[in-house]
């Protein structure tokens, strides 16, 4: 649940004359289950919640604390040092975490309205996934990308494929020849281009034009052989090697995906990785052998 959904939920509860507590993670150090900005609503005497501040025993503790405050408008901060041993009831993370708990009644409706406006404005700054191709794979990519807060634009030259009925999660649908698609779609360094058209020729048209932009990410579906052939063709046309090196293909993280749903998931995982950590290698899973190596 994103901030906009959370604030809208709070607004509905306040309009029904419920007290509502908003719990926000305001600071962390070290390893913690919740990160700065995580939010959770507590209502109905603590029986109802929405959102999360990280889960586990710490979240349960904050639900209890917030429930006790559901009697009047107030605010209070909480800080916890997270233990290093399993016996510690706060868990085995090794950091500290701070929370702000704010309780509201109906008098806070104007404040919530302002927060909703701010959250709506923030959405316009969200990254945009531009899906070039409106086939079955794009259907799942659109759903997954939207669920992790990307704006979604679906582009195809076939209106029977690119339409709101097939893509209810899309923020915009563009029916245009692929050679002119970027005339109608504004791109910038928050744009992520996913090339999954119906054929190699269309992929080539989109890729050549995408490489002239300054988007954050260009990914193209296809085998290694197809990718190499296409990149060599564009290099022969004079496209600089450093531009060609920007292309992620075969697209998606290597998770052994087979079905359209799995392939779409691997693509969106790659979008999230590039958004959050760029080209850095993924952090390995902790193991006893790795910990011994760090000792």
C-alpha atoms as a PDB file:
ATOM      1  CA  UNK A   1       0.000   0.000   0.000  1.00  0.00           C
ATOM      2  CA  UNK A   2       1.550   3.302  -1.063  1.00  0.00           C
ATOM      3  CA  UNK A   3       1.246   6.624   0.774  1.00  0.00           C
ATOM      4  CA  UNK A   4      -1.628   7.812  -1.403  1.00  0.00           C
ATOM      5  CA  UNK A   5      -3.710   4.696  -0.692  1.00  0.00           C
ATOM      6  CA  UNK A   6      -2.837   4.952   2.999  1.00  0.00           C
ATOM      7  CA  UNK A   7      -3.922   8.582   3.309  1.00  0.00           C
ATOM      8  CA  UNK A   8      -7.129   7.901   1.396  1.00  0.00           C
ATOM      9  CA  UNK A   9      -7.860   5.049   3.802  1.00  0.00           C
ATOM     10  CA  UNK A  10      -7.233   7.376   6.740  1.00  0.00           C
ATOM     11  CA  UNK A  11      -9.562   9.962   5.213  1.00  0.00           C
ATOM     12  CA  UNK A  12     -12.353   7.389   4.894  1.00  0.00           C
ATOM     13  CA  UNK A  13     -11.919   6.302   8.507  1.00  0.00           C
ATOM     14  CA  UNK A  14     -11.924   9.869   9.806  1.00  0.00           C
ATOM     15  CA  UNK A  15     -15.048  10.667   7.815  1.00  0.00           C
ATOM     16  CA  UNK A  16     -16.653   7.709   9.626  1.00  0.00           C
ATOM     17  CA  UNK A  17     -15.675   9.352  12.941  1.00  0.00           C
ATOM     18  CA  UNK A  18     -12.982   6.819  13.792  1.00  0.00           C
ATOM     19  CA  UNK A  19      -9.795   7.769  15.593  1.00  0.00           C
ATOM     20  CA  UNK A  20      -6.780   6.884  13.458  1.00  0.00           C
ATOM     21  CA  UNK A  21      -3.115   6.515  14.342  1.00  0.00           C
ATOM     22  CA  UNK A  22      -0.413   6.974  11.716  1.00  0.00           C
ATOM     23  CA  UNK A  23       2.856   5.221  12.545  1.00  0.00           C
ATOM     24  CA  UNK A  24       5.883   6.335  10.493  1.00  0.00           C
ATOM     25  CA  UNK A  25       9.477   5.091  10.533  1.00  0.00           C
ATOM     26  CA  UNK A  26      11.488   8.311  10.861  1.00  0.00           C
ATOM     27  CA  UNK A  27      15.066   7.077  11.352  1.00  0.00           C
ATOM     28  CA  UNK A  28      17.095   3.862  11.290  1.00  0.00           C
ATOM     29  CA  UNK A  29      20.667   2.736  11.827  1.00  0.00           C
ATOM     30  CA  UNK A  30      22.162  -0.629  10.953  1.00  0.00           C
ATOM     31  CA  UNK A  31      19.957  -3.570  10.037  1.00  0.00           C
ATOM     32  CA  UNK A  32      16.243  -2.993  10.667  1.00  0.00           C
ATOM     33  CA  UNK A  33      13.035  -4.613   9.376  1.00  0.00           C
ATOM     34  CA  UNK A  34      11.456  -1.262   8.527  1.00  0.00           C
ATOM     35  CA  UNK A  35      13.006   1.528   6.479  1.00  0.00           C
ATOM     36  CA  UNK A  36      12.610   5.304   6.703  1.00  0.00           C
ATOM     37  CA  UNK A  37       9.262   6.304   5.247  1.00  0.00           C
ATOM     38  CA  UNK A  38       7.420   3.053   5.986  1.00  0.00           C
ATOM     39  CA  UNK A  39       3.926   3.856   7.233  1.00  0.00           C
ATOM     40  CA  UNK A  40       1.083   2.032   8.937  1.00  0.00           C
ATOM     41  CA  UNK A  41      -2.418   3.009  10.045  1.00  0.00           C
ATOM     42  CA  UNK A  42      -3.828   1.665  13.310  1.00  0.00           C
ATOM     43  CA  UNK A  43      -7.546   1.970  14.053  1.00  0.00           C
ATOM     44  CA  UNK A  44     -10.504   0.248  15.683  1.00  0.00           C
ATOM     45  CA  UNK A  45      -8.733  -0.041  18.992  1.00  0.00           C
ATOM     46  CA  UNK A  46      -5.757  -1.734  17.388  1.00  0.00           C
ATOM     47  CA  UNK A  47      -7.837  -4.433  15.703  1.00  0.00           C
ATOM     48  CA  UNK A  48      -7.463  -2.811  12.303  1.00  0.00           C
ATOM     49  CA  UNK A  49      -4.258  -1.934  10.472  1.00  0.00           C
ATOM     50  CA  UNK A  50      -3.198  -0.930   6.973  1.00  0.00           C
ATOM     51  CA  UNK A  51       0.317  -0.692   5.604  1.00  0.00           C
ATOM     52  CA  UNK A  52       3.420  -1.860   7.439  1.00  0.00           C
ATOM     53  CA  UNK A  53       6.436  -0.562   9.348  1.00  0.00           C
ATOM     54  CA  UNK A  54       8.438  -3.727   8.825  1.00  0.00           C
ATOM     55  CA  UNK A  55       6.467  -6.541  10.401  1.00  0.00           C
ATOM     56  CA  UNK A  56       7.505  -8.819  13.230  1.00  0.00           C
ATOM     57  CA  UNK A  57       7.557  -8.138  16.945  1.00  0.00           C
ATOM     58  CA  UNK A  58       8.474  -4.479  16.571  1.00  0.00           C
ATOM     59  CA  UNK A  59       5.416  -3.826  14.413  1.00  0.00           C
ATOM     60  CA  UNK A  60       3.233  -5.682  16.918  1.00  0.00           C
ATOM     61  CA  UNK A  61       4.666  -3.495  19.665  1.00  0.00           C
ATOM     62  CA  UNK A  62       3.907  -0.327  17.708  1.00  0.00           C
ATOM     63  CA  UNK A  63       0.323  -1.471  17.099  1.00  0.00           C
ATOM     64  CA  UNK A  64      -0.070  -1.830  20.875  1.00  0.00           C
ATOM     65  CA  UNK A  65       1.448   1.619  21.533  1.00  0.00           C
ATOM     66  CA  UNK A  66      -0.631   3.283  18.824  1.00  0.00           C
ATOM     67  CA  UNK A  67      -3.815   1.606  20.077  1.00  0.00           C
ATOM     68  CA  UNK A  68      -3.251   3.099  23.530  1.00  0.00           C
ATOM     69  CA  UNK A  69      -3.106   6.556  21.938  1.00  0.00           C
ATOM     70  CA  UNK A  70      -6.439   6.218  20.104  1.00  0.00           C
ATOM     71  CA  UNK A  71      -8.280   8.403  22.593  1.00  0.00           C
ATOM     72  CA  UNK A  72      -7.293  11.928  21.545  1.00  0.00           C
ATOM     73  CA  UNK A  73      -5.208  13.736  18.919  1.00  0.00           C
ATOM     74  CA  UNK A  74      -1.575  13.492  19.952  1.00  0.00           C
ATOM     75  CA  UNK A  75       1.915  12.651  18.760  1.00  0.00           C
ATOM     76  CA  UNK A  76       4.773  10.714  20.314  1.00  0.00           C
ATOM     77  CA  UNK A  77       8.113   9.278  19.262  1.00  0.00           C
ATOM     78  CA  UNK A  78       9.459   5.812  20.053  1.00  0.00           C
ATOM     79  CA  UNK A  79      12.973   4.430  19.690  1.00  0.00           C
ATOM     80  CA  UNK A  80      14.110   0.817  19.888  1.00  0.00           C
ATOM     81  CA  UNK A  81      17.558  -0.748  19.915  1.00  0.00           C
ATOM     82  CA  UNK A  82      17.324  -4.049  18.094  1.00  0.00           C
ATOM     83  CA  UNK A  83      19.228  -6.845  19.805  1.00  0.00           C
ATOM     84  CA  UNK A  84      21.815  -9.192  18.324  1.00  0.00           C
ATOM     85  CA  UNK A  85      20.613 -12.378  20.021  1.00  0.00           C
ATOM     86  CA  UNK A  86      17.551 -14.591  19.444  1.00  0.00           C
ATOM     87  CA  UNK A  87      16.583 -14.131  23.086  1.00  0.00           C
ATOM     88  CA  UNK A  88      15.971 -10.448  22.496  1.00  0.00           C
ATOM     89  CA  UNK A  89      12.218 -10.044  22.038  1.00  0.00           C
ATOM     90  CA  UNK A  90      12.830  -7.344  19.451  1.00  0.00           C
ATOM     91  CA  UNK A  91      14.390  -9.803  17.037  1.00  0.00           C
ATOM     92  CA  UNK A  92      17.890 -10.491  15.759  1.00  0.00           C
ATOM     93  CA  UNK A  93      18.453  -7.407  13.623  1.00  0.00           C
ATOM     94  CA  UNK A  94      21.391  -5.304  14.720  1.00  0.00           C
ATOM     95  CA  UNK A  95      20.334  -1.668  14.475  1.00  0.00           C
ATOM     96  CA  UNK A  96      18.004   0.936  15.910  1.00  0.00           C
ATOM     97  CA  UNK A  97      14.712   2.310  14.666  1.00  0.00           C
ATOM     98  CA  UNK A  98      12.608   5.359  15.500  1.00  0.00           C
ATOM     99  CA  UNK A  99       8.889   5.846  14.995  1.00  0.00           C
ATOM    100  CA  UNK A 100       6.548   8.813  15.043  1.00  0.00           C
ATOM    101  CA  UNK A 101       2.982   8.020  16.075  1.00  0.00           C
ATOM    102  CA  UNK A 102       0.329  10.624  15.264  1.00  0.00           C
ATOM    103  CA  UNK A 103      -3.306  10.176  16.242  1.00  0.00           C
ATOM    104  CA  UNK A 104      -6.087  12.031  14.475  1.00  0.00           C
ATOM    105  CA  UNK A 105      -9.793  12.671  14.766  1.00  0.00           C
ATOM    106  CA  UNK A 106     -12.166  14.272  12.243  1.00  0.00           C
ATOM    107  CA  UNK A 107     -10.630  17.695  12.857  1.00  0.00           C
ATOM    108  CA  UNK A 108      -7.575  16.481  10.921  1.00  0.00           C
ATOM    109  CA  UNK A 109      -9.492  15.998   7.650  1.00  0.00           C
ATOM    110  CA  UNK A 110      -8.038  19.194   6.087  1.00  0.00           C
ATOM    111  CA  UNK A 111      -4.521  18.015   6.999  1.00  0.00           C
ATOM    112  CA  UNK A 112      -5.147  14.610   5.420  1.00  0.00           C
ATOM    113  CA  UNK A 113      -6.478  16.324   2.299  1.00  0.00           C
ATOM    114  CA  UNK A 114      -3.188  18.218   2.021  1.00  0.00           C
ATOM    115  CA  UNK A 115      -1.188  15.014   2.425  1.00  0.00           C
ATOM    116  CA  UNK A 116      -3.242  13.376  -0.291  1.00  0.00           C
ATOM    117  CA  UNK A 117      -2.503  16.280  -2.624  1.00  0.00           C
ATOM    118  CA  UNK A 118       1.206  15.977  -1.865  1.00  0.00           C
ATOM    119  CA  UNK A 119       1.151  12.217  -2.485  1.00  0.00           C
ATOM    120  CA  UNK A 120      -0.660  12.743  -5.793  1.00  0.00           C
ATOM    121  CA  UNK A 121       1.968  15.266  -6.833  1.00  0.00           C
ATOM    122  CA  UNK A 122       4.731  12.845  -5.890  1.00  0.00           C
ATOM    123  CA  UNK A 123       3.228  10.249  -8.224  1.00  0.00           C
ATOM    124  CA  UNK A 124       3.949  12.514 -11.179  1.00  0.00           C
ATOM    125  CA  UNK A 125       7.638  12.117 -10.279  1.00  0.00           C
ATOM    126  CA  UNK A 126       7.436   8.331 -10.277  1.00  0.00           C
ATOM    127  CA  UNK A 127       9.523   6.390 -12.800  1.00  0.00           C
ATOM    128  CA  UNK A 128       7.739   5.452 -16.001  1.00  0.00           C
ATOM    129  CA  UNK A 129       7.844   2.031 -17.639  1.00  0.00           C
ATOM    130  CA  UNK A 130       7.288   2.466 -21.382  1.00  0.00           C
ATOM    131  CA  UNK A 131       6.221  -0.883 -22.802  1.00  0.00           C
ATOM    132  CA  UNK A 132       6.828  -1.032 -26.546  1.00  0.00           C
ATOM    133  CA  UNK A 133       4.611  -3.893 -27.602  1.00  0.00           C
ATOM    134  CA  UNK A 134       1.163  -4.801 -26.297  1.00  0.00           C
ATOM    135  CA  UNK A 135       1.267  -8.577 -26.419  1.00  0.00           C
ATOM    136  CA  UNK A 136       0.634 -11.125 -23.679  1.00  0.00           C
ATOM    137  CA  UNK A 137       3.996 -10.470 -21.997  1.00  0.00           C
ATOM    138  CA  UNK A 138       3.363  -6.742 -21.701  1.00  0.00           C
ATOM    139  CA  UNK A 139       0.041  -7.478 -20.006  1.00  0.00           C
ATOM    140  CA  UNK A 140       1.852  -9.033 -17.061  1.00  0.00           C
ATOM    141  CA  UNK A 141       4.711  -6.514 -17.090  1.00  0.00           C
ATOM    142  CA  UNK A 142       2.157  -3.700 -16.827  1.00  0.00           C
ATOM    143  CA  UNK A 143       0.462  -5.316 -13.826  1.00  0.00           C
ATOM    144  CA  UNK A 144       3.684  -6.000 -11.958  1.00  0.00           C
ATOM    145  CA  UNK A 145       5.251  -2.627 -12.771  1.00  0.00           C
ATOM    146  CA  UNK A 146       2.165  -0.786 -11.559  1.00  0.00           C
ATOM    147  CA  UNK A 147       2.200  -2.752  -8.298  1.00  0.00           C
ATOM    148  CA  UNK A 148       5.700  -1.424  -7.512  1.00  0.00           C
ATOM    149  CA  UNK A 149       4.712   2.155  -8.279  1.00  0.00           C
ATOM    150  CA  UNK A 150       5.873   2.704 -11.827  1.00  0.00           C
ATOM    151  CA  UNK A 151       3.740   4.752 -14.146  1.00  0.00           C
ATOM    152  CA  UNK A 152       2.938   2.550 -17.135  1.00  0.00           C
ATOM    153  CA  UNK A 153       2.668   3.581 -20.780  1.00  0.00           C
ATOM    154  CA  UNK A 154       1.770   0.899 -23.332  1.00  0.00           C
ATOM    155  CA  UNK A 155       2.681   1.509 -26.978  1.00  0.00           C
ATOM    156  CA  UNK A 156       1.757  -0.496 -30.069  1.00  0.00           C
ATOM    157  CA  UNK A 157       0.611   0.119 -33.618  1.00  0.00           C
ATOM    158  CA  UNK A 158      -2.401  -2.179 -33.196  1.00  0.00           C
ATOM    159  CA  UNK A 159      -5.428  -0.740 -31.434  1.00  0.00           C
ATOM    160  CA  UNK A 160      -6.930  -4.196 -31.011  1.00  0.00           C
ATOM    161  CA  UNK A 161      -4.005  -4.947 -28.674  1.00  0.00           C
ATOM    162  CA  UNK A 162      -3.208  -1.560 -27.160  1.00  0.00           C
ATOM    163  CA  UNK A 163      -6.420  -0.566 -25.437  1.00  0.00           C
ATOM    164  CA  UNK A 164      -7.742   0.091 -21.944  1.00  0.00           C
ATOM    165  CA  UNK A 165      -9.729  -3.127 -21.844  1.00  0.00           C
ATOM    166  CA  UNK A 166      -6.582  -5.242 -22.192  1.00  0.00           C
ATOM    167  CA  UNK A 167      -4.436  -2.913 -20.068  1.00  0.00           C
ATOM    168  CA  UNK A 168      -6.572  -1.557 -17.212  1.00  0.00           C
ATOM    169  CA  UNK A 169      -3.428  -0.800 -15.181  1.00  0.00           C
ATOM    170  CA  UNK A 170      -1.875   1.460 -17.827  1.00  0.00           C
ATOM    171  CA  UNK A 171      -1.700   5.193 -17.125  1.00  0.00           C
ATOM    172  CA  UNK A 172      -1.608   5.887 -20.836  1.00  0.00           C
ATOM    173  CA  UNK A 173      -1.985   3.930 -24.050  1.00  0.00           C
ATOM    174  CA  UNK A 174      -0.356   5.107 -27.277  1.00  0.00           C
ATOM    175  CA  UNK A 175      -1.424   3.653 -30.634  1.00  0.00           C
ATOM    176  CA  UNK A 176       1.256   4.759 -33.046  1.00  0.00           C
ATOM    177  CA  UNK A 177       3.692   3.401 -35.601  1.00  0.00           C
ATOM    178  CA  UNK A 178       6.833   2.298 -33.777  1.00  0.00           C
ATOM    179  CA  UNK A 179       8.965   4.604 -35.915  1.00  0.00           C
ATOM    180  CA  UNK A 180       7.122   7.589 -34.426  1.00  0.00           C
ATOM    181  CA  UNK A 181       6.284   6.355 -30.945  1.00  0.00           C
ATOM    182  CA  UNK A 182       8.758   8.689 -29.223  1.00  0.00           C
ATOM    183  CA  UNK A 183       7.179  11.647 -30.974  1.00  0.00           C
ATOM    184  CA  UNK A 184       4.141  11.047 -28.776  1.00  0.00           C
ATOM    185  CA  UNK A 185       5.865   9.821 -25.601  1.00  0.00           C
ATOM    186  CA  UNK A 186       8.053  12.165 -23.588  1.00  0.00           C
ATOM    187  CA  UNK A 187      11.078  10.427 -22.073  1.00  0.00           C
ATOM    188  CA  UNK A 188      13.698  11.510 -19.557  1.00  0.00           C
ATOM    189  CA  UNK A 189      16.087  10.027 -17.004  1.00  0.00           C
ATOM    190  CA  UNK A 190      13.138   8.565 -15.071  1.00  0.00           C
ATOM    191  CA  UNK A 191      11.991   6.522 -18.074  1.00  0.00           C
ATOM    192  CA  UNK A 192      12.481   2.774 -18.470  1.00  0.00           C
ATOM    193  CA  UNK A 193      11.950   1.431 -21.988  1.00  0.00           C
ATOM    194  CA  UNK A 194      10.912  -2.226 -22.278  1.00  0.00           C
ATOM    195  CA  UNK A 195      11.066  -3.509 -25.869  1.00  0.00           C
ATOM    196  CA  UNK A 196       8.780  -6.511 -26.298  1.00  0.00           C
ATOM    197  CA  UNK A 197       7.237  -5.988 -29.719  1.00  0.00           C
ATOM    198  CA  UNK A 198       5.822  -8.691 -31.983  1.00  0.00           C
ATOM    199  CA  UNK A 199       8.946  -9.149 -34.093  1.00  0.00           C
ATOM    200  CA  UNK A 200      12.643  -8.458 -34.693  1.00  0.00           C
ATOM    201  CA  UNK A 201      12.003  -5.661 -37.184  1.00  0.00           C
ATOM    202  CA  UNK A 202       9.833  -3.696 -34.775  1.00  0.00           C
ATOM    203  CA  UNK A 203      12.338  -4.316 -31.978  1.00  0.00           C
ATOM    204  CA  UNK A 204      15.069  -2.873 -34.201  1.00  0.00           C
ATOM    205  CA  UNK A 205      13.033   0.230 -35.015  1.00  0.00           C
ATOM    206  CA  UNK A 206      12.275   0.946 -31.367  1.00  0.00           C
ATOM    207  CA  UNK A 207      15.792   0.179 -30.159  1.00  0.00           C
ATOM    208  CA  UNK A 208      17.466   2.467 -32.675  1.00  0.00           C
ATOM    209  CA  UNK A 209      15.268   5.349 -31.575  1.00  0.00           C
ATOM    210  CA  UNK A 210      15.521   4.526 -27.867  1.00  0.00           C
ATOM    211  CA  UNK A 211      19.324   4.699 -28.068  1.00  0.00           C
ATOM    212  CA  UNK A 212      19.072   8.353 -29.056  1.00  0.00           C
ATOM    213  CA  UNK A 213      17.394   9.205 -25.741  1.00  0.00           C
ATOM    214  CA  UNK A 214      18.719   9.743 -22.214  1.00  0.00           C
ATOM    215  CA  UNK A 215      16.401   7.262 -20.518  1.00  0.00           C
ATOM    216  CA  UNK A 216      17.491   5.400 -17.393  1.00  0.00           C
ATOM    217  CA  UNK A 217      17.014   1.928 -18.842  1.00  0.00           C
ATOM    218  CA  UNK A 218      16.605   0.179 -22.197  1.00  0.00           C
ATOM    219  CA  UNK A 219      15.767  -3.514 -22.134  1.00  0.00           C
ATOM    220  CA  UNK A 220      14.941  -5.742 -25.096  1.00  0.00           C
ATOM    221  CA  UNK A 221      13.602  -9.266 -25.223  1.00  0.00           C
ATOM    222  CA  UNK A 222      15.360 -11.818 -27.384  1.00  0.00           C
ATOM    223  CA  UNK A 223      18.018 -14.497 -27.482  1.00  0.00           C
ATOM    224  CA  UNK A 224      21.701 -13.675 -27.136  1.00  0.00           C
ATOM    225  CA  UNK A 225      22.169 -14.451 -30.825  1.00  0.00           C
ATOM    226  CA  UNK A 226      19.374 -12.115 -31.893  1.00  0.00           C
ATOM    227  CA  UNK A 227      20.679  -9.391 -29.595  1.00  0.00           C
ATOM    228  CA  UNK A 228      24.249  -9.664 -30.897  1.00  0.00           C
ATOM    229  CA  UNK A 229      23.083  -9.601 -34.526  1.00  0.00           C
ATOM    230  CA  UNK A 230      20.986  -6.501 -33.942  1.00  0.00           C
ATOM    231  CA  UNK A 231      23.681  -4.669 -31.986  1.00  0.00           C
ATOM    232  CA  UNK A 232      26.259  -5.412 -34.690  1.00  0.00           C
ATOM    233  CA  UNK A 233      23.862  -4.096 -37.323  1.00  0.00           C
ATOM    234  CA  UNK A 234      23.362  -0.830 -35.399  1.00  0.00           C
ATOM    235  CA  UNK A 235      27.108  -0.520 -34.797  1.00  0.00           C
ATOM    236  CA  UNK A 236      27.661  -0.809 -38.541  1.00  0.00           C
ATOM    237  CA  UNK A 237      25.235   2.088 -38.997  1.00  0.00           C
ATOM    238  CA  UNK A 238      27.407   4.247 -36.793  1.00  0.00           C
ATOM    239  CA  UNK A 239      25.734   3.932 -33.393  1.00  0.00           C
ATOM    240  CA  UNK A 240      28.435   4.457 -30.768  1.00  0.00           C
ATOM    241  CA  UNK A 241      29.532   1.401 -28.787  1.00  0.00           C
ATOM    242  CA  UNK A 242      28.952   3.169 -25.455  1.00  0.00           C
ATOM    243  CA  UNK A 243      25.321   3.662 -26.427  1.00  0.00           C
ATOM    244  CA  UNK A 244      24.906   0.038 -27.449  1.00  0.00           C
ATOM    245  CA  UNK A 245      26.411  -1.032 -24.125  1.00  0.00           C
ATOM    246  CA  UNK A 246      23.408   0.554 -22.390  1.00  0.00           C
ATOM    247  CA  UNK A 247      21.078  -2.164 -23.674  1.00  0.00           C
ATOM    248  CA  UNK A 248      19.943  -4.866 -21.245  1.00  0.00           C
ATOM    249  CA  UNK A 249      19.333  -7.925 -23.374  1.00  0.00           C
ATOM    250  CA  UNK A 250      18.278 -10.621 -22.916  1.00  0.00           C
ATOM    251  CA  UNK A 251      15.970  -8.587 -20.713  1.00  0.00           C
ATOM    252  CA  UNK A 252      15.240  -9.435 -17.082  1.00  0.00           C
ATOM    253  CA  UNK A 253      17.115 -10.909 -14.152  1.00  0.00           C
ATOM    254  CA  UNK A 254      18.295 -14.473 -14.634  1.00  0.00           C
ATOM    255  CA  UNK A 255      15.807 -16.463 -12.545  1.00  0.00           C
ATOM    256  CA  UNK A 256      15.174 -19.334 -14.952  1.00  0.00           C
ATOM    257  CA  UNK A 257      11.832 -17.854 -16.015  1.00  0.00           C
ATOM    258  CA  UNK A 258       9.743 -19.927 -18.435  1.00  0.00           C
ATOM    259  CA  UNK A 259       6.109 -18.754 -18.429  1.00  0.00           C
ATOM    260  CA  UNK A 260       4.994 -15.265 -19.512  1.00  0.00           C
ATOM    261  CA  UNK A 261       4.206 -14.449 -15.882  1.00  0.00           C
ATOM    262  CA  UNK A 262       7.682 -15.496 -14.746  1.00  0.00           C
ATOM    263  CA  UNK A 263       9.421 -13.636 -17.571  1.00  0.00           C
ATOM    264  CA  UNK A 264       7.407 -10.494 -16.787  1.00  0.00           C
ATOM    265  CA  UNK A 265       8.344 -10.807 -13.131  1.00  0.00           C
ATOM    266  CA  UNK A 266      12.038 -11.097 -14.017  1.00  0.00           C
ATOM    267  CA  UNK A 267      11.737  -7.950 -16.159  1.00  0.00           C
ATOM    268  CA  UNK A 268      10.099  -5.903 -13.427  1.00  0.00           C
ATOM    269  CA  UNK A 269      12.650  -7.180 -10.894  1.00  0.00           C
ATOM    270  CA  UNK A 270      15.344  -5.788 -13.180  1.00  0.00           C
ATOM    271  CA  UNK A 271      13.534  -2.434 -13.382  1.00  0.00           C
ATOM    272  CA  UNK A 272      13.413  -2.261  -9.590  1.00  0.00           C
ATOM    273  CA  UNK A 273      17.090  -3.226  -9.295  1.00  0.00           C
ATOM    274  CA  UNK A 274      18.166  -0.491 -11.716  1.00  0.00           C
ATOM    275  CA  UNK A 275      15.928   2.014  -9.968  1.00  0.00           C
ATOM    276  CA  UNK A 276      17.210   1.219  -6.485  1.00  0.00           C
ATOM    277  CA  UNK A 277      20.864   0.207  -6.840  1.00  0.00           C
ATOM    278  CA  UNK A 278      21.758   0.710 -10.489  1.00  0.00           C
ATOM    279  CA  UNK A 279      24.318  -1.653 -11.991  1.00  0.00           C
ATOM    280  CA  UNK A 280      25.765  -2.713  -8.650  1.00  0.00           C
ATOM    281  CA  UNK A 281      25.988  -6.489  -8.198  1.00  0.00           C
ATOM    282  CA  UNK A 282      23.213  -7.945  -6.045  1.00  0.00           C
ATOM    283  CA  UNK A 283      23.894  -8.474  -2.357  1.00  0.00           C
ATOM    284  CA  UNK A 284      24.494 -12.153  -1.673  1.00  0.00           C
ATOM    285  CA  UNK A 285      22.463 -14.138   0.808  1.00  0.00           C
ATOM    286  CA  UNK A 286      24.008 -14.476   4.238  1.00  0.00           C
ATOM    287  CA  UNK A 287      25.387 -17.869   5.224  1.00  0.00           C
ATOM    288  CA  UNK A 288      27.605 -19.196   7.958  1.00  0.00           C
ATOM    289  CA  UNK A 289      30.487 -19.584   5.526  1.00  0.00           C
ATOM    290  CA  UNK A 290      30.111 -15.976   4.354  1.00  0.00           C
ATOM    291  CA  UNK A 291      29.919 -14.721   7.923  1.00  0.00           C
ATOM    292  CA  UNK A 292      33.086 -16.643   8.802  1.00  0.00           C
ATOM    293  CA  UNK A 293      34.758 -14.966   5.858  1.00  0.00           C
ATOM    294  CA  UNK A 294      33.825 -11.567   7.278  1.00  0.00           C
ATOM    295  CA  UNK A 295      35.172 -12.364  10.708  1.00  0.00           C
END
